[in-house]
Amino acid sequence: MFVKVKYLIKRLPVLLLCVLMSCLSGCNKVKQIKVTSVALESVGLRGFKGLDIGLAIGIDNPAFGVDISEIEGALKHSGKVLGRVSLDPFRLHGRSAEIYHLRALVTLEKGVGIQEILPYMNKDMLEQCTFDVSAKATYKKTVSKVFAYKDMPVKKLLERNVYEEK
C-alpha cells in the first residue's frame, strides 16, 4: 500500500496539470468575451509627464467572473512608443454585459513631451496609432493566465470593433 501512495504522490503534479489543462481548454465561453464600447470620460494632467484618464469600457462576458489585474500597455505611432499605460485592477462580473468605469495612468516616454502628445488627442491622429496591451486574468484566486496583444490598431477600438487574435 505504501508503494501505491508513493506512486500517486509522484504522479499528482501530472494529474493536476492534466485537470487544469482540460478546465482551461474547455472554457470556450472565455473566448467569447467582447469589448463592446470604449468612451473617454475625462482627461487630466499629472505633472508634465503624465495624464489621468477616465474610461468607460463596455464588456459583454458570457463566461464566469474573472479578476483582471496587471493591466499595462504602450501607445505607439510609427513604431515609436509615445507613452505607457496602466489601469487599475477590476473584477469582470460573470454572465453580464456591463460598462466598467476605469482609471488609467498614462506616463510619457523619455523624449516625449506634452507638446508632442497633444496632437494625438485629435481623433484622426489617434487613429494612426497602435498599442500593445497585457493583462492577467485570475479565476477564483487560483487559475491565472496572462493575455498579451501586440500592435492593435487604435482605429479598430475607436470604431468599437473587437480586436481578433490571429
Foldseek 3Di string as FASTA:
>chain_A
DVVVVVVCVVCVVVVVVVVVVCVVVVQPQQVVKAWQAKDWDDWDDDPWFKIKTKMKIKIARQAAKKKKAPKKKFKDAPRHTFWIKHKHIDIDHHRDTGIDIIIMMIGGDPPHTPVNCVVCVDVVNVQRMFMKIKIWIGDPNPDIDIDIDPGHGVNCNNVSHGDDDD
